[in-house]
Amino acid sequence: MTDPIAAWHDYMHAPSADTLAALLAEDVVFHSPAVHTPQVGKAVTMKYLSAAAEVLGGDDFTYVGEWRAERSAVLEFTCTIGDAIKVDGVDIIGWDEDGRIVSFKVMIRPMKALNTVVPLMAAALAR
């Protein structure tokens, strides 16, 4: 089994639709910090994760911590939006026995960062 977290790090360094599609299970569930209901399925999850890579994945996006269990991991990240909005967040990722991601939850703080990210994500999702 390929290490899904190593593959995720590779994706964040060079995002591509093909790489992301290979990482996700068909029935993956995405939990957004801005949407109250889980988003179910590969197509919608790809949209959200691609938009997040675009909005958050700038030059200073960095994973600063990582904690693993048998089939899950928590990845802590930091980045800056614009010139001044500091974002702290975590990606909580679960995968199946084949190494495909089955759940992806994003949490962002502080509120100012979330309030900045939400309209940027909406714009990216609309493209």
N, C-alpha and C. Protein backbone atom coordinates (compact mmCIF):
# COMPACT_ATOMS: atom_id res chain seq x y z
N MET A 1 0.84 -1.18 0.00
CA MET A 1 0.00 0.00 0.00
C MET A 1 0.89 1.25 0.00
N THR A 2 0.56 2.17 -0.88
CA THR A 2 1.25 3.45 -0.92
C THR A 2 0.86 4.26 0.31
N ASP A 3 1.80 5.00 0.86
CA ASP A 3 1.52 5.84 2.01
C ASP A 3 0.68 7.03 1.54
N PRO A 4 -0.60 7.09 1.94
CA PRO A 4 -1.46 8.17 1.46
C PRO A 4 -1.03 9.56 1.93
N ILE A 5 -0.37 9.64 3.07
CA ILE A 5 0.07 10.95 3.56
C ILE A 5 1.27 11.43 2.76
N ALA A 6 2.19 10.56 2.44
CA ALA A 6 3.31 10.94 1.57
C ALA A 6 2.77 11.37 0.20
N ALA A 7 1.79 10.64 -0.30
CA ALA A 7 1.18 11.01 -1.59
C ALA A 7 0.46 12.35 -1.49
N TRP A 8 -0.20 12.63 -0.35
CA TRP A 8 -0.86 13.91 -0.16
C TRP A 8 0.17 15.04 -0.15
N HIS A 9 1.29 14.85 0.55
CA HIS A 9 2.35 15.87 0.56
C HIS A 9 2.84 16.12 -0.87
N ASP A 10 3.02 15.06 -1.65
CA ASP A 10 3.44 15.21 -3.05
C ASP A 10 2.42 16.04 -3.82
N TYR A 11 1.13 15.76 -3.60
CA TYR A 11 0.07 16.51 -4.27
C TYR A 11 0.15 17.99 -3.91
N MET A 12 0.34 18.31 -2.64
CA MET A 12 0.38 19.72 -2.23
C MET A 12 1.60 20.45 -2.81
N HIS A 13 2.67 19.73 -3.10
CA HIS A 13 3.86 20.36 -3.71
C HIS A 13 3.66 20.59 -5.20
N ALA A 14 2.84 19.75 -5.83
CA ALA A 14 2.59 19.87 -7.28
C ALA A 14 1.17 19.38 -7.56
N PRO A 15 0.17 20.22 -7.25
CA PRO A 15 -1.23 19.79 -7.42
C PRO A 15 -1.57 19.44 -8.87
N SER A 16 -2.24 18.30 -9.03
CA SER A 16 -2.75 17.91 -10.34
C SER A 16 -4.02 17.09 -10.13
N ALA A 17 -4.96 17.23 -11.04
CA ALA A 17 -6.22 16.51 -10.93
C ALA A 17 -6.01 15.01 -10.96
N ASP A 18 -5.09 14.53 -11.78
CA ASP A 18 -4.85 13.09 -11.87
C ASP A 18 -4.30 12.53 -10.56
N THR A 19 -3.38 13.26 -9.96
CA THR A 19 -2.82 12.82 -8.68
C THR A 19 -3.89 12.78 -7.61
N LEU A 20 -4.70 13.84 -7.55
CA LEU A 20 -5.76 13.90 -6.54
C LEU A 20 -6.78 12.79 -6.76
N ALA A 21 -7.17 12.55 -7.99
CA ALA A 21 -8.15 11.50 -8.29
C ALA A 21 -7.64 10.14 -7.83
N ALA A 22 -6.36 9.88 -8.01
CA ALA A 22 -5.78 8.60 -7.60
C ALA A 22 -5.75 8.44 -6.09
N LEU A 23 -5.72 9.56 -5.36
CA LEU A 23 -5.67 9.51 -3.90
C LEU A 23 -7.01 9.23 -3.24
N LEU A 24 -8.11 9.59 -3.90
CA LEU A 24 -9.42 9.58 -3.26
C LEU A 24 -10.24 8.34 -3.58
N ALA A 25 -10.92 7.81 -2.56
CA ALA A 25 -11.90 6.74 -2.77
C ALA A 25 -13.14 7.34 -3.41
N GLU A 26 -13.91 6.53 -4.09
CA GLU A 26 -15.13 7.00 -4.76
C GLU A 26 -16.12 7.61 -3.77
N ASP A 27 -16.22 7.05 -2.57
CA ASP A 27 -17.21 7.50 -1.59
C ASP A 27 -16.60 8.37 -0.49
N VAL A 28 -15.50 9.05 -0.81
CA VAL A 28 -14.83 9.93 0.15
C VAL A 28 -15.80 10.97 0.70
N VAL A 29 -15.61 11.33 1.95
CA VAL A 29 -16.44 12.35 2.61
C VAL A 29 -15.54 13.52 2.99
N PHE A 30 -15.95 14.72 2.57
CA PHE A 30 -15.19 15.93 2.86
C PHE A 30 -15.98 16.79 3.86
N HIS A 31 -15.28 17.24 4.91
CA HIS A 31 -15.88 18.12 5.92
C HIS A 31 -15.18 19.47 5.82
N SER A 32 -15.94 20.47 5.43
CA SER A 32 -15.43 21.83 5.27
C SER A 32 -15.63 22.62 6.55
N PRO A 33 -14.73 23.56 6.85
CA PRO A 33 -14.95 24.41 8.02
C PRO A 33 -16.07 25.42 7.80
N ALA A 34 -16.53 25.57 6.56
CA ALA A 34 -17.53 26.59 6.25
C ALA A 34 -18.88 26.01 5.82
N VAL A 35 -18.95 24.71 5.59
CA VAL A 35 -20.18 24.07 5.14
C VAL A 35 -20.64 23.12 6.23
N HIS A 36 -21.90 23.23 6.61
CA HIS A 36 -22.39 22.47 7.78
C HIS A 36 -22.64 21.00 7.52
N THR A 37 -22.82 20.60 6.26
CA THR A 37 -23.08 19.20 5.98
C THR A 37 -21.87 18.58 5.28
N PRO A 38 -21.62 17.31 5.54
CA PRO A 38 -20.53 16.63 4.85
C PRO A 38 -20.78 16.59 3.34
N GLN A 39 -19.73 16.72 2.59
CA GLN A 39 -19.80 16.64 1.13
C GLN A 39 -19.33 15.23 0.75
N VAL A 40 -20.19 14.48 0.07
CA VAL A 40 -19.92 13.07 -0.18
C VAL A 40 -19.63 12.83 -1.66
N GLY A 41 -18.56 12.11 -1.91
CA GLY A 41 -18.22 11.69 -3.26
C GLY A 41 -16.92 12.29 -3.76
N LYS A 42 -16.33 11.57 -4.69
CA LYS A 42 -15.03 11.95 -5.23
C LYS A 42 -15.08 13.27 -6.00
N ALA A 43 -16.09 13.46 -6.83
CA ALA A 43 -16.15 14.67 -7.66
C ALA A 43 -16.22 15.94 -6.81
N VAL A 44 -17.11 15.96 -5.83
CA VAL A 44 -17.26 17.16 -5.01
C VAL A 44 -16.03 17.36 -4.11
N THR A 45 -15.47 16.29 -3.61
CA THR A 45 -14.27 16.39 -2.77
C THR A 45 -13.10 16.92 -3.59
N MET A 46 -12.99 16.46 -4.83
CA MET A 46 -11.92 16.97 -5.70
C MET A 46 -12.07 18.47 -5.90
N LYS A 47 -13.30 18.94 -6.08
CA LYS A 47 -13.52 20.38 -6.24
C LYS A 47 -13.04 21.15 -5.02
N TYR A 48 -13.44 20.70 -3.84
CA TYR A 48 -13.06 21.39 -2.61
C TYR A 48 -11.56 21.35 -2.38
N LEU A 49 -10.94 20.19 -2.55
CA LEU A 49 -9.51 20.09 -2.28
C LEU A 49 -8.68 20.83 -3.32
N SER A 50 -9.13 20.84 -4.57
CA SER A 50 -8.43 21.62 -5.60
C SER A 50 -8.53 23.11 -5.29
N ALA A 51 -9.72 23.56 -4.89
CA ALA A 51 -9.90 24.97 -4.53
C ALA A 51 -9.04 25.33 -3.32
N ALA A 52 -8.98 24.43 -2.34
CA ALA A 52 -8.17 24.69 -1.14
C ALA A 52 -6.69 24.77 -1.49
N ALA A 53 -6.22 23.91 -2.38
CA ALA A 53 -4.81 23.98 -2.80
C ALA A 53 -4.53 25.31 -3.49
N GLU A 54 -5.50 25.80 -4.25
CA GLU A 54 -5.35 27.09 -4.92
C GLU A 54 -5.34 28.24 -3.93
N VAL A 55 -6.29 28.24 -2.99
CA VAL A 55 -6.45 29.35 -2.05
C VAL A 55 -5.38 29.35 -0.96
N LEU A 56 -5.11 28.19 -0.41
CA LEU A 56 -4.20 28.11 0.74
C LEU A 56 -2.78 27.72 0.38
N GLY A 57 -2.60 27.07 -0.74
CA GLY A 57 -1.32 26.45 -1.07
C GLY A 57 -0.29 27.37 -1.67
N GLY A 58 -0.19 28.58 -1.18
CA GLY A 58 0.81 29.53 -1.68
C GLY A 58 2.22 29.16 -1.28
N ASP A 59 3.13 30.07 -1.56
CA ASP A 59 4.55 29.82 -1.31
C ASP A 59 4.89 29.52 0.14
N ASP A 60 4.10 30.10 1.07
CA ASP A 60 4.45 29.89 2.48
C ASP A 60 3.60 28.81 3.16
N PHE A 61 2.79 28.08 2.38
CA PHE A 61 2.02 26.98 2.97
C PHE A 61 3.01 25.93 3.48
N THR A 62 2.86 25.57 4.76
CA THR A 62 3.78 24.61 5.36
C THR A 62 3.04 23.72 6.34
N TYR A 63 3.30 22.43 6.26
CA TYR A 63 2.85 21.52 7.31
C TYR A 63 3.87 21.58 8.43
N VAL A 64 3.41 21.90 9.62
CA VAL A 64 4.31 22.10 10.76
C VAL A 64 4.20 21.00 11.81
N GLY A 65 3.26 20.09 11.64
CA GLY A 65 3.10 18.98 12.58
C GLY A 65 2.34 17.85 11.93
N GLU A 66 2.61 16.64 12.42
CA GLU A 66 1.94 15.46 11.85
C GLU A 66 1.83 14.39 12.93
N TRP A 67 0.61 13.88 13.10
CA TRP A 67 0.35 12.82 14.06
C TRP A 67 -0.41 11.72 13.34
N ARG A 68 0.04 10.47 13.51
CA ARG A 68 -0.54 9.36 12.77
C ARG A 68 -1.09 8.28 13.68
N ALA A 69 -2.13 7.63 13.17
CA ALA A 69 -2.65 6.39 13.73
C ALA A 69 -2.56 5.36 12.60
N GLU A 70 -3.18 4.19 12.79
CA GLU A 70 -3.05 3.13 11.80
C GLU A 70 -3.58 3.54 10.42
N ARG A 71 -4.76 4.15 10.37
CA ARG A 71 -5.34 4.56 9.09
C ARG A 71 -5.86 5.99 9.13
N SER A 72 -5.18 6.83 9.86
CA SER A 72 -5.56 8.24 9.91
C SER A 72 -4.37 9.08 10.31
N ALA A 73 -4.49 10.37 10.01
CA ALA A 73 -3.43 11.30 10.38
C ALA A 73 -4.02 12.69 10.55
N VAL A 74 -3.36 13.48 11.37
CA VAL A 74 -3.68 14.89 11.54
C VAL A 74 -2.45 15.66 11.10
N LEU A 75 -2.66 16.57 10.15
CA LEU A 75 -1.57 17.38 9.63
C LEU A 75 -1.86 18.84 9.98
N GLU A 76 -0.98 19.45 10.75
CA GLU A 76 -1.14 20.85 11.11
C GLU A 76 -0.42 21.71 10.08
N PHE A 77 -1.11 22.78 9.62
CA PHE A 77 -0.50 23.65 8.62
C PHE A 77 -0.60 25.12 9.01
N THR A 78 0.24 25.92 8.38
CA THR A 78 0.18 27.37 8.48
C THR A 78 0.36 27.95 7.08
N CYS A 79 -0.20 29.14 6.89
CA CYS A 79 0.00 29.88 5.65
C CYS A 79 -0.47 31.31 5.88
N THR A 80 -0.25 32.13 4.89
CA THR A 80 -0.68 33.52 4.93
C THR A 80 -1.54 33.80 3.71
N ILE A 81 -2.66 34.47 3.95
CA ILE A 81 -3.53 34.90 2.85
C ILE A 81 -3.29 36.39 2.66
N GLY A 82 -3.02 36.78 1.44
CA GLY A 82 -2.69 38.18 1.19
C GLY A 82 -1.39 38.52 1.89
N ASP A 83 -1.33 39.73 2.41
CA ASP A 83 -0.10 40.17 3.07
C ASP A 83 -0.11 39.98 4.57
N ALA A 84 -1.32 39.72 5.15
CA ALA A 84 -1.37 39.82 6.61
C ALA A 84 -2.21 38.79 7.33
N ILE A 85 -3.04 38.02 6.64
CA ILE A 85 -3.93 37.10 7.34
C ILE A 85 -3.21 35.77 7.57
N LYS A 86 -2.87 35.52 8.83
CA LYS A 86 -2.21 34.28 9.20
C LYS A 86 -3.28 33.20 9.41
N VAL A 87 -3.08 32.06 8.79
CA VAL A 87 -4.00 30.93 8.90
C VAL A 87 -3.30 29.79 9.62
N ASP A 88 -3.97 29.25 10.64
CA ASP A 88 -3.54 28.02 11.29
C ASP A 88 -4.64 27.01 11.02
N GLY A 89 -4.26 25.79 10.68
CA GLY A 89 -5.29 24.80 10.42
C GLY A 89 -4.79 23.39 10.57
N VAL A 90 -5.74 22.48 10.46
CA VAL A 90 -5.41 21.06 10.47
C VAL A 90 -6.22 20.36 9.39
N ASP A 91 -5.60 19.38 8.79
CA ASP A 91 -6.26 18.42 7.90
C ASP A 91 -6.31 17.11 8.66
N ILE A 92 -7.50 16.55 8.80
CA ILE A 92 -7.68 15.26 9.45
C ILE A 92 -8.06 14.28 8.35
N ILE A 93 -7.19 13.33 8.09
CA ILE A 93 -7.32 12.46 6.92
C ILE A 93 -7.43 11.00 7.36
N GLY A 94 -8.42 10.31 6.82
CA GLY A 94 -8.56 8.87 7.05
C GLY A 94 -8.51 8.13 5.73
N TRP A 95 -8.00 6.90 5.73
CA TRP A 95 -7.90 6.13 4.49
C TRP A 95 -8.29 4.69 4.72
N ASP A 96 -8.56 4.01 3.62
CA ASP A 96 -8.99 2.61 3.67
C ASP A 96 -7.80 1.67 3.56
N GLU A 97 -8.09 0.37 3.50
CA GLU A 97 -7.03 -0.63 3.45
C GLU A 97 -6.21 -0.58 2.16
N ASP A 98 -6.76 0.08 1.12
CA ASP A 98 -6.03 0.22 -0.14
C ASP A 98 -5.21 1.51 -0.19
N GLY A 99 -5.28 2.31 0.88
CA GLY A 99 -4.53 3.55 0.93
C GLY A 99 -5.23 4.72 0.25
N ARG A 100 -6.51 4.56 -0.06
CA ARG A 100 -7.27 5.67 -0.65
C ARG A 100 -7.95 6.47 0.46
N ILE A 101 -7.92 7.77 0.30
CA ILE A 101 -8.52 8.66 1.30
C ILE A 101 -10.04 8.50 1.28
N VAL A 102 -10.61 8.23 2.48
CA VAL A 102 -12.05 8.06 2.62
C VAL A 102 -12.70 9.19 3.42
N SER A 103 -11.89 9.95 4.14
CA SER A 103 -12.43 11.11 4.87
C SER A 103 -11.36 12.19 4.93
N PHE A 104 -11.83 13.42 4.80
CA PHE A 104 -10.93 14.56 4.82
C PHE A 104 -11.67 15.70 5.51
N LYS A 105 -11.15 16.14 6.64
CA LYS A 105 -11.76 17.22 7.41
C LYS A 105 -10.75 18.34 7.57
N VAL A 106 -11.19 19.56 7.28
CA VAL A 106 -10.33 20.73 7.41
C VAL A 106 -10.88 21.61 8.53
N MET A 107 -10.00 22.07 9.38
CA MET A 107 -10.35 23.01 10.43
C MET A 107 -9.38 24.18 10.33
N ILE A 108 -9.91 25.41 10.45
CA ILE A 108 -9.11 26.62 10.30
C ILE A 108 -9.40 27.58 11.44
N ARG A 109 -8.37 28.26 11.90
CA ARG A 109 -8.49 29.30 12.90
C ARG A 109 -7.51 30.40 12.56
N PRO A 110 -7.59 31.56 13.07
CA PRO A 110 -8.67 32.12 13.88
C PRO A 110 -9.86 32.49 13.00
N MET A 111 -10.91 33.02 13.60
CA MET A 111 -12.13 33.36 12.88
C MET A 111 -11.83 34.33 11.73
N LYS A 112 -10.94 35.27 11.94
CA LYS A 112 -10.58 36.22 10.89
C LYS A 112 -10.03 35.48 9.67
N ALA A 113 -9.25 34.44 9.90
CA ALA A 113 -8.71 33.65 8.79
C ALA A 113 -9.84 32.91 8.07
N LEU A 114 -10.72 32.28 8.84
CA LEU A 114 -11.84 31.56 8.23
C LEU A 114 -12.72 32.52 7.42
N ASN A 115 -13.00 33.70 7.97
CA ASN A 115 -13.82 34.68 7.27
C ASN A 115 -13.15 35.19 6.00
N THR A 116 -11.84 35.14 5.94
CA THR A 116 -11.11 35.52 4.73
C THR A 116 -11.10 34.39 3.72
N VAL A 117 -10.94 33.16 4.21
CA VAL A 117 -10.85 32.00 3.32
C VAL A 117 -12.19 31.68 2.65
N VAL A 118 -13.29 31.82 3.36
CA VAL A 118 -14.60 31.40 2.83
C VAL A 118 -14.92 32.06 1.48
N PRO A 119 -14.86 33.39 1.33
CA PRO A 119 -15.18 33.95 0.02
C PRO A 119 -14.16 33.59 -1.07
N LEU A 120 -12.91 33.41 -0.67
CA LEU A 120 -11.89 33.00 -1.65
C LEU A 120 -12.18 31.59 -2.14
N MET A 121 -12.58 30.71 -1.24
CA MET A 121 -12.96 29.34 -1.63
C MET A 121 -14.20 29.36 -2.52
N ALA A 122 -15.18 30.19 -2.18
CA ALA A 122 -16.40 30.29 -2.99
C ALA A 122 -16.05 30.71 -4.42
N ALA A 123 -15.16 31.67 -4.55
CA ALA A 123 -14.74 32.12 -5.88
C ALA A 123 -14.01 31.01 -6.63
N ALA A 124 -13.12 30.30 -5.94
CA ALA A 124 -12.37 29.21 -6.58
C ALA A 124 -13.31 28.08 -6.99
N LEU A 125 -14.30 27.78 -6.15
CA LEU A 125 -15.26 26.73 -6.49
C LEU A 125 -16.14 27.12 -7.67
N ALA A 126 -16.38 28.40 -7.82
CA ALA A 126 -17.24 28.87 -8.91
C ALA A 126 -16.53 28.82 -10.27
N ARG A 127 -15.18 28.79 -10.26
CA ARG A 127 -14.44 28.74 -11.54
C ARG A 127 -14.52 27.39 -12.17
